Amino acid sequence: MKSVLILDPHLDQAIALAKYFRRFAPGWKIFGGSEAGRRPYFQPDYFVEVIECDFSNPTLGEQFDLIIPSGADSTYQRVSAVGDMALGDLRFTSQSLKAFDKARMLEAAAAAGLAVPETVYDHRSVSRFPVFYKDRREENRLHRNRGIAVNAA
């Protein structure tokens, strides 16, 4: 029986992975891993247990057959801690960490001639609507700051 640790279990993609494993690998034990001090606000039924762990601990992999980081923060911390890693054919390298700097990536995309969304740092400077907004990083909370604003009210 395999044991799988899915980091950032509160994220939608983590829950989707847990559901998938529960359906197609019913004998596997699926754990959720939350950063110490960031316990999820709920205990999803898809996980045997949600445990607190240090994402950057290189020995964390000795406790589970498979560790899957599901969010940007956990992916960044795991790759920083253990170096290059792979999930099947998908490789994460220290070079790929450069993609986690969103502002830098948007600048590079714009310099390459790609269309990039306008980034607004002060809501008072918004002059056109609708506007799609979201957090810079997802956090462990029930209501996330994302959506579409159609006016300034």
N, C-alpha and C. Protein backbone atom coordinates (compact mmCIF):
# COMPACT_ATOMS: atom_id res chain seq x y z
N MET A 1 0.84 -1.17 0.00
CA MET A 1 0.00 0.00 0.00
C MET A 1 0.89 1.24 0.00
N LYS A 2 0.65 2.13 -0.95
CA LYS A 2 1.44 3.35 -1.05
C LYS A 2 0.87 4.43 -0.14
N SER A 3 1.78 5.27 0.35
CA SER A 3 1.34 6.44 1.10
C SER A 3 1.76 7.69 0.33
N VAL A 4 0.81 8.60 0.16
CA VAL A 4 1.02 9.81 -0.63
C VAL A 4 0.76 11.02 0.26
N LEU A 5 1.66 11.99 0.19
CA LEU A 5 1.48 13.25 0.90
C LEU A 5 1.26 14.35 -0.12
N ILE A 6 0.10 14.99 -0.08
CA ILE A 6 -0.21 16.10 -0.98
C ILE A 6 -0.09 17.38 -0.16
N LEU A 7 0.88 18.21 -0.55
CA LEU A 7 1.12 19.45 0.18
C LEU A 7 0.12 20.52 -0.22
N ASP A 8 -0.19 21.41 0.72
CA ASP A 8 -1.20 22.45 0.53
C ASP A 8 -2.57 21.83 0.25
N PRO A 9 -3.09 21.00 1.18
CA PRO A 9 -4.32 20.25 0.91
C PRO A 9 -5.58 21.09 0.79
N HIS A 10 -5.51 22.37 1.15
CA HIS A 10 -6.68 23.24 1.07
C HIS A 10 -6.92 23.77 -0.34
N LEU A 11 -5.94 23.61 -1.24
CA LEU A 11 -6.08 24.13 -2.60
C LEU A 11 -6.96 23.21 -3.45
N ASP A 12 -7.65 23.81 -4.40
CA ASP A 12 -8.55 23.04 -5.27
C ASP A 12 -7.84 21.90 -5.98
N GLN A 13 -6.62 22.17 -6.47
CA GLN A 13 -5.91 21.13 -7.20
C GLN A 13 -5.49 19.98 -6.28
N ALA A 14 -5.24 20.25 -5.01
CA ALA A 14 -4.90 19.19 -4.06
C ALA A 14 -6.10 18.30 -3.82
N ILE A 15 -7.25 18.91 -3.66
CA ILE A 15 -8.48 18.14 -3.44
C ILE A 15 -8.80 17.30 -4.67
N ALA A 16 -8.61 17.87 -5.86
CA ALA A 16 -8.84 17.11 -7.10
C ALA A 16 -7.92 15.90 -7.17
N LEU A 17 -6.65 16.08 -6.81
CA LEU A 17 -5.70 14.95 -6.81
C LEU A 17 -6.12 13.89 -5.79
N ALA A 18 -6.50 14.33 -4.61
CA ALA A 18 -6.91 13.38 -3.57
C ALA A 18 -8.13 12.58 -4.02
N LYS A 19 -9.11 13.25 -4.63
CA LYS A 19 -10.29 12.54 -5.15
C LYS A 19 -9.89 11.52 -6.21
N TYR A 20 -8.98 11.92 -7.08
CA TYR A 20 -8.52 11.04 -8.15
C TYR A 20 -7.88 9.78 -7.57
N PHE A 21 -6.96 9.97 -6.62
CA PHE A 21 -6.29 8.82 -6.02
C PHE A 21 -7.27 7.94 -5.26
N ARG A 22 -8.21 8.54 -4.55
CA ARG A 22 -9.19 7.75 -3.80
C ARG A 22 -10.02 6.90 -4.75
N ARG A 23 -10.31 7.43 -5.93
CA ARG A 23 -11.13 6.70 -6.90
C ARG A 23 -10.34 5.62 -7.63
N PHE A 24 -9.13 5.96 -8.09
CA PHE A 24 -8.40 5.04 -8.95
C PHE A 24 -7.30 4.25 -8.24
N ALA A 25 -7.01 4.59 -7.01
CA ALA A 25 -6.03 3.83 -6.22
C ALA A 25 -6.58 3.70 -4.80
N PRO A 26 -7.71 2.98 -4.64
CA PRO A 26 -8.40 2.96 -3.36
C PRO A 26 -7.59 2.38 -2.20
N GLY A 27 -6.55 1.63 -2.48
CA GLY A 27 -5.74 1.07 -1.41
C GLY A 27 -4.67 2.02 -0.89
N TRP A 28 -4.47 3.12 -1.56
CA TRP A 28 -3.43 4.07 -1.15
C TRP A 28 -3.92 4.92 0.02
N LYS A 29 -2.98 5.29 0.88
CA LYS A 29 -3.28 6.21 1.98
C LYS A 29 -2.89 7.61 1.53
N ILE A 30 -3.85 8.51 1.48
CA ILE A 30 -3.63 9.87 1.00
C ILE A 30 -3.66 10.83 2.19
N PHE A 31 -2.53 11.48 2.42
CA PHE A 31 -2.40 12.44 3.51
C PHE A 31 -2.30 13.85 2.93
N GLY A 32 -2.78 14.80 3.69
CA GLY A 32 -2.59 16.20 3.35
C GLY A 32 -1.48 16.75 4.22
N GLY A 33 -0.65 17.59 3.66
CA GLY A 33 0.45 18.18 4.42
C GLY A 33 0.33 19.69 4.45
N SER A 34 0.10 20.24 5.64
CA SER A 34 0.03 21.69 5.80
C SER A 34 1.30 22.19 6.46
N GLU A 35 1.70 23.39 6.08
CA GLU A 35 2.85 24.00 6.71
C GLU A 35 2.57 24.17 8.19
N ALA A 36 3.60 23.98 9.01
CA ALA A 36 3.45 24.17 10.45
C ALA A 36 2.88 25.56 10.72
N GLY A 37 1.84 25.62 11.54
CA GLY A 37 1.21 26.88 11.86
C GLY A 37 0.15 27.32 10.86
N ARG A 38 -0.05 26.58 9.79
CA ARG A 38 -1.05 26.94 8.77
C ARG A 38 -2.06 25.81 8.59
N ARG A 39 -2.59 25.33 9.68
CA ARG A 39 -3.56 24.24 9.58
C ARG A 39 -4.73 24.65 8.70
N PRO A 40 -5.21 23.73 7.88
CA PRO A 40 -6.34 24.08 7.02
C PRO A 40 -7.59 24.36 7.86
N TYR A 41 -8.48 25.12 7.30
CA TYR A 41 -9.70 25.49 8.00
C TYR A 41 -10.74 24.38 7.94
N PHE A 42 -10.43 23.29 7.28
CA PHE A 42 -11.35 22.16 7.22
C PHE A 42 -10.54 20.88 7.07
N GLN A 43 -11.17 19.76 7.34
CA GLN A 43 -10.53 18.45 7.18
C GLN A 43 -11.25 17.74 6.04
N PRO A 44 -10.71 17.84 4.82
CA PRO A 44 -11.39 17.20 3.69
C PRO A 44 -11.50 15.68 3.88
N ASP A 45 -12.62 15.15 3.46
CA ASP A 45 -12.87 13.72 3.59
C ASP A 45 -11.93 12.88 2.74
N TYR A 46 -11.27 13.51 1.78
CA TYR A 46 -10.45 12.76 0.84
C TYR A 46 -9.09 12.39 1.41
N PHE A 47 -8.73 12.95 2.55
CA PHE A 47 -7.44 12.67 3.17
C PHE A 47 -7.64 11.80 4.41
N VAL A 48 -6.74 10.83 4.60
CA VAL A 48 -6.77 10.02 5.81
C VAL A 48 -6.56 10.94 7.01
N GLU A 49 -5.65 11.89 6.84
CA GLU A 49 -5.31 12.84 7.90
C GLU A 49 -4.60 14.02 7.26
N VAL A 50 -4.75 15.19 7.85
CA VAL A 50 -3.97 16.35 7.44
C VAL A 50 -2.96 16.60 8.55
N ILE A 51 -1.68 16.55 8.18
CA ILE A 51 -0.62 16.69 9.17
C ILE A 51 0.14 18.00 8.95
N GLU A 52 0.75 18.50 10.01
CA GLU A 52 1.62 19.65 9.88
C GLU A 52 3.01 19.14 9.53
N CYS A 53 3.67 19.80 8.59
CA CYS A 53 5.01 19.38 8.20
C CYS A 53 5.81 20.56 7.67
N ASP A 54 7.10 20.37 7.63
CA ASP A 54 8.02 21.38 7.10
C ASP A 54 8.27 21.03 5.63
N PHE A 55 7.70 21.82 4.72
CA PHE A 55 7.82 21.53 3.29
C PHE A 55 9.28 21.47 2.84
N SER A 56 10.15 22.22 3.50
CA SER A 56 11.55 22.30 3.06
C SER A 56 12.43 21.23 3.71
N ASN A 57 11.85 20.33 4.50
CA ASN A 57 12.63 19.27 5.14
C ASN A 57 12.98 18.20 4.11
N PRO A 58 14.29 18.05 3.79
CA PRO A 58 14.66 17.06 2.76
C PRO A 58 14.34 15.62 3.15
N THR A 59 14.23 15.33 4.46
CA THR A 59 13.96 13.96 4.88
C THR A 59 12.46 13.63 4.90
N LEU A 60 11.62 14.59 4.57
CA LEU A 60 10.18 14.34 4.54
C LEU A 60 9.84 13.21 3.58
N GLY A 61 10.59 13.10 2.50
CA GLY A 61 10.36 12.06 1.50
C GLY A 61 10.59 10.65 2.00
N GLU A 62 11.29 10.50 3.12
CA GLU A 62 11.54 9.16 3.67
C GLU A 62 10.30 8.59 4.34
N GLN A 63 9.33 9.44 4.64
CA GLN A 63 8.13 9.00 5.35
C GLN A 63 6.98 8.60 4.43
N PHE A 64 7.10 8.96 3.14
CA PHE A 64 6.01 8.71 2.19
C PHE A 64 6.58 8.16 0.89
N ASP A 65 5.76 7.39 0.18
CA ASP A 65 6.19 6.87 -1.12
C ASP A 65 6.20 7.96 -2.18
N LEU A 66 5.33 8.95 -2.03
CA LEU A 66 5.20 10.01 -3.02
C LEU A 66 4.79 11.30 -2.32
N ILE A 67 5.49 12.39 -2.65
CA ILE A 67 5.11 13.71 -2.15
C ILE A 67 4.76 14.57 -3.36
N ILE A 68 3.58 15.17 -3.31
CA ILE A 68 3.13 16.01 -4.42
C ILE A 68 2.86 17.42 -3.89
N PRO A 69 3.69 18.38 -4.26
CA PRO A 69 3.37 19.77 -3.89
C PRO A 69 2.29 20.28 -4.84
N SER A 70 1.22 20.85 -4.30
CA SER A 70 0.11 21.25 -5.18
C SER A 70 0.01 22.75 -5.38
N GLY A 71 0.74 23.51 -4.64
CA GLY A 71 0.68 24.97 -4.78
C GLY A 71 2.05 25.56 -5.07
N ALA A 72 2.07 26.83 -5.38
CA ALA A 72 3.32 27.50 -5.72
C ALA A 72 4.29 27.49 -4.54
N ASP A 73 3.80 27.80 -3.34
CA ASP A 73 4.70 27.86 -2.19
C ASP A 73 5.31 26.50 -1.88
N SER A 74 4.49 25.46 -1.84
CA SER A 74 5.03 24.14 -1.50
C SER A 74 5.97 23.63 -2.59
N THR A 75 5.66 23.90 -3.85
CA THR A 75 6.56 23.49 -4.94
C THR A 75 7.89 24.20 -4.81
N TYR A 76 7.84 25.49 -4.57
CA TYR A 76 9.07 26.28 -4.43
C TYR A 76 9.92 25.75 -3.27
N GLN A 77 9.28 25.50 -2.13
CA GLN A 77 10.02 25.03 -0.96
C GLN A 77 10.60 23.63 -1.17
N ARG A 78 9.83 22.73 -1.78
CA ARG A 78 10.35 21.37 -2.00
C ARG A 78 11.53 21.37 -2.96
N VAL A 79 11.41 22.09 -4.07
CA VAL A 79 12.51 22.12 -5.05
C VAL A 79 13.72 22.80 -4.44
N SER A 80 13.51 23.85 -3.67
CA SER A 80 14.63 24.53 -3.01
C SER A 80 15.33 23.60 -2.03
N ALA A 81 14.57 22.76 -1.36
CA ALA A 81 15.13 21.88 -0.33
C ALA A 81 15.81 20.64 -0.90
N VAL A 82 15.18 20.02 -1.89
CA VAL A 82 15.69 18.72 -2.36
C VAL A 82 16.38 18.80 -3.71
N GLY A 83 16.35 19.96 -4.35
CA GLY A 83 16.95 20.07 -5.67
C GLY A 83 15.98 19.57 -6.72
N ASP A 84 16.50 19.09 -7.82
CA ASP A 84 15.65 18.62 -8.91
C ASP A 84 14.77 17.47 -8.45
N MET A 85 13.54 17.45 -8.92
CA MET A 85 12.64 16.34 -8.59
C MET A 85 11.69 16.12 -9.76
N ALA A 86 11.08 14.96 -9.77
CA ALA A 86 10.18 14.62 -10.87
C ALA A 86 8.90 14.00 -10.33
N LEU A 87 7.81 14.29 -11.02
CA LEU A 87 6.54 13.61 -10.80
C LEU A 87 6.19 12.99 -12.14
N GLY A 88 6.50 11.72 -12.29
CA GLY A 88 6.33 11.08 -13.59
C GLY A 88 7.27 11.72 -14.59
N ASP A 89 6.74 12.18 -15.71
CA ASP A 89 7.56 12.84 -16.73
C ASP A 89 7.74 14.33 -16.48
N LEU A 90 7.08 14.86 -15.48
CA LEU A 90 7.16 16.28 -15.18
C LEU A 90 8.34 16.54 -14.25
N ARG A 91 9.30 17.36 -14.73
CA ARG A 91 10.51 17.64 -13.95
C ARG A 91 10.47 19.06 -13.39
N PHE A 92 10.87 19.18 -12.14
CA PHE A 92 11.04 20.48 -11.50
C PHE A 92 12.52 20.63 -11.19
N THR A 93 13.12 21.70 -11.68
CA THR A 93 14.55 21.93 -11.45
C THR A 93 14.74 23.27 -10.76
N SER A 94 15.94 23.48 -10.24
CA SER A 94 16.23 24.76 -9.61
C SER A 94 16.09 25.89 -10.62
N GLN A 95 16.35 25.61 -11.89
CA GLN A 95 16.18 26.62 -12.94
C GLN A 95 14.71 27.02 -13.09
N SER A 96 13.81 26.05 -12.89
CA SER A 96 12.39 26.36 -13.05
C SER A 96 11.86 27.27 -11.95
N LEU A 97 12.61 27.41 -10.86
CA LEU A 97 12.17 28.29 -9.78
C LEU A 97 12.10 29.75 -10.23
N LYS A 98 12.83 30.08 -11.28
CA LYS A 98 12.77 31.45 -11.80
C LYS A 98 11.36 31.81 -12.24
N ALA A 99 10.59 30.80 -12.63
CA ALA A 99 9.22 31.05 -13.09
C ALA A 99 8.29 31.43 -11.94
N PHE A 100 8.73 31.27 -10.70
CA PHE A 100 7.89 31.60 -9.56
C PHE A 100 7.90 33.09 -9.23
N ASP A 101 8.77 33.85 -9.88
CA ASP A 101 8.79 35.30 -9.71
C ASP A 101 7.86 35.87 -10.77
N LYS A 102 6.59 36.06 -10.38
CA LYS A 102 5.56 36.44 -11.35
C LYS A 102 5.89 37.75 -12.07
N ALA A 103 6.36 38.76 -11.34
CA ALA A 103 6.68 40.05 -11.97
C ALA A 103 7.78 39.87 -13.01
N ARG A 104 8.79 39.09 -12.69
CA ARG A 104 9.90 38.85 -13.63
C ARG A 104 9.41 38.10 -14.87
N MET A 105 8.52 37.13 -14.68
CA MET A 105 8.00 36.36 -15.81
C MET A 105 7.14 37.24 -16.72
N LEU A 106 6.34 38.12 -16.13
CA LEU A 106 5.52 39.01 -16.95
C LEU A 106 6.39 39.97 -17.75
N GLU A 107 7.47 40.46 -17.13
CA GLU A 107 8.40 41.34 -17.86
C GLU A 107 9.04 40.59 -19.02
N ALA A 108 9.46 39.35 -18.78
CA ALA A 108 10.10 38.56 -19.83
C ALA A 108 9.11 38.28 -20.96
N ALA A 109 7.86 37.96 -20.61
CA ALA A 109 6.84 37.70 -21.63
C ALA A 109 6.57 38.95 -22.46
N ALA A 110 6.47 40.10 -21.81
CA ALA A 110 6.23 41.36 -22.53
C ALA A 110 7.41 41.68 -23.44
N ALA A 111 8.63 41.45 -22.95
CA ALA A 111 9.83 41.71 -23.76
C ALA A 111 9.88 40.80 -24.98
N ALA A 112 9.27 39.60 -24.87
CA ALA A 112 9.23 38.66 -25.99
C ALA A 112 8.07 38.96 -26.94
N GLY A 113 7.31 40.00 -26.65
CA GLY A 113 6.22 40.38 -27.54
C GLY A 113 4.89 39.71 -27.22
N LEU A 114 4.80 39.02 -26.09
CA LEU A 114 3.55 38.36 -25.71
C LEU A 114 2.64 39.34 -24.97
N ALA A 115 1.36 39.16 -25.13
CA ALA A 115 0.40 40.00 -24.40
C ALA A 115 0.39 39.56 -22.94
N VAL A 116 0.49 40.51 -22.05
CA VAL A 116 0.47 40.21 -20.62
C VAL A 116 -0.60 41.08 -19.96
N PRO A 117 -1.18 40.58 -18.88
CA PRO A 117 -2.19 41.39 -18.19
C PRO A 117 -1.54 42.59 -17.51
N GLU A 118 -2.29 43.66 -17.44
CA GLU A 118 -1.81 44.84 -16.73
C GLU A 118 -1.88 44.54 -15.23
N THR A 119 -0.83 44.87 -14.51
CA THR A 119 -0.82 44.66 -13.07
C THR A 119 -1.05 46.00 -12.39
N VAL A 120 -2.00 46.03 -11.47
CA VAL A 120 -2.35 47.25 -10.76
C VAL A 120 -1.98 47.06 -9.29
N TYR A 121 -1.23 47.98 -8.76
CA TYR A 121 -0.81 47.89 -7.36
C TYR A 121 -1.64 48.78 -6.44
N ASP A 122 -2.39 49.71 -7.00
CA ASP A 122 -3.23 50.61 -6.22
C ASP A 122 -4.61 50.65 -6.87
N HIS A 123 -5.61 50.17 -6.15
CA HIS A 123 -6.96 50.08 -6.72
C HIS A 123 -7.51 51.42 -7.19
N ARG A 124 -6.99 52.52 -6.66
CA ARG A 124 -7.48 53.84 -7.07
C ARG A 124 -7.03 54.21 -8.48
N SER A 125 -6.06 53.46 -9.00
CA SER A 125 -5.59 53.77 -10.36
C SER A 125 -6.36 53.02 -11.45
N VAL A 126 -7.32 52.20 -11.07
CA VAL A 126 -8.11 51.45 -12.06
C VAL A 126 -9.06 52.42 -12.76
N SER A 127 -8.98 52.44 -14.08
CA SER A 127 -9.82 53.37 -14.84
C SER A 127 -10.81 52.67 -15.76
N ARG A 128 -10.63 51.35 -15.97
CA ARG A 128 -11.52 50.61 -16.88
C ARG A 128 -12.03 49.36 -16.17
N PHE A 129 -13.23 48.97 -16.54
CA PHE A 129 -13.83 47.77 -15.97
C PHE A 129 -14.38 46.93 -17.09
N PRO A 130 -14.56 45.64 -16.95
CA PRO A 130 -14.34 44.85 -15.74
C PRO A 130 -12.86 44.59 -15.48
N VAL A 131 -12.57 44.23 -14.24
CA VAL A 131 -11.21 43.92 -13.81
C VAL A 131 -11.25 42.56 -13.13
N PHE A 132 -10.34 41.67 -13.54
CA PHE A 132 -10.17 40.41 -12.83
C PHE A 132 -9.11 40.64 -11.77
N TYR A 133 -9.38 40.21 -10.55
CA TYR A 133 -8.40 40.40 -9.48
C TYR A 133 -8.18 39.10 -8.73
N LYS A 134 -6.99 38.98 -8.16
CA LYS A 134 -6.67 37.81 -7.35
C LYS A 134 -5.47 38.11 -6.49
N ASP A 135 -5.27 37.27 -5.49
CA ASP A 135 -4.11 37.40 -4.61
C ASP A 135 -2.84 37.13 -5.38
N ARG A 136 -1.75 37.70 -4.89
CA ARG A 136 -0.44 37.38 -5.46
C ARG A 136 -0.15 35.90 -5.21
N ARG A 137 -0.45 35.42 -4.02
CA ARG A 137 -0.30 34.01 -3.67
C ARG A 137 -1.56 33.56 -2.96
N GLU A 138 -1.95 32.31 -3.19
CA GLU A 138 -3.11 31.79 -2.47
C GLU A 138 -2.70 31.56 -1.03
N GLU A 139 -3.61 31.85 -0.12
CA GLU A 139 -3.35 31.63 1.28
C GLU A 139 -4.37 30.65 1.83
N ASN A 140 -4.08 30.16 3.01
CA ASN A 140 -4.91 29.16 3.66
C ASN A 140 -6.08 29.85 4.36
N ARG A 141 -7.08 30.25 3.60
CA ARG A 141 -8.27 30.85 4.20
C ARG A 141 -9.49 30.47 3.37
N LEU A 142 -10.62 30.51 4.02
CA LEU A 142 -11.86 30.06 3.38
C LEU A 142 -12.24 30.94 2.20
N HIS A 143 -12.16 32.26 2.36
CA HIS A 143 -12.57 33.17 1.29
C HIS A 143 -11.33 33.82 0.70
N ARG A 144 -11.03 33.51 -0.54
CA ARG A 144 -9.87 34.07 -1.21
C ARG A 144 -10.25 35.35 -1.93
N ASN A 145 -9.28 36.23 -2.10
CA ASN A 145 -9.52 37.48 -2.81
C ASN A 145 -9.32 37.27 -4.30
N ARG A 146 -10.37 36.89 -4.97
CA ARG A 146 -10.33 36.76 -6.42
C ARG A 146 -11.74 36.90 -6.96
N GLY A 147 -11.81 37.43 -8.17
CA GLY A 147 -13.12 37.60 -8.77
C GLY A 147 -13.07 38.62 -9.89
N ILE A 148 -14.22 39.11 -10.27
CA ILE A 148 -14.33 40.11 -11.33
C ILE A 148 -15.08 41.31 -10.77
N ALA A 149 -14.44 42.47 -10.84
CA ALA A 149 -15.10 43.72 -10.43
C ALA A 149 -15.62 44.39 -11.69
N VAL A 150 -16.88 44.77 -11.68
CA VAL A 150 -17.47 45.41 -12.86
C VAL A 150 -17.62 46.91 -12.70
N ASN A 151 -17.43 47.40 -11.47
CA ASN A 151 -17.43 48.85 -11.23
C ASN A 151 -16.63 49.14 -9.96
N ALA A 152 -16.46 50.41 -9.66
CA ALA A 152 -15.62 50.81 -8.53
C ALA A 152 -16.32 50.71 -7.19
N ALA A 153 -17.60 50.43 -7.16
CA ALA A 153 -18.35 50.40 -5.90
C ALA A 153 -17.99 49.24 -5.03
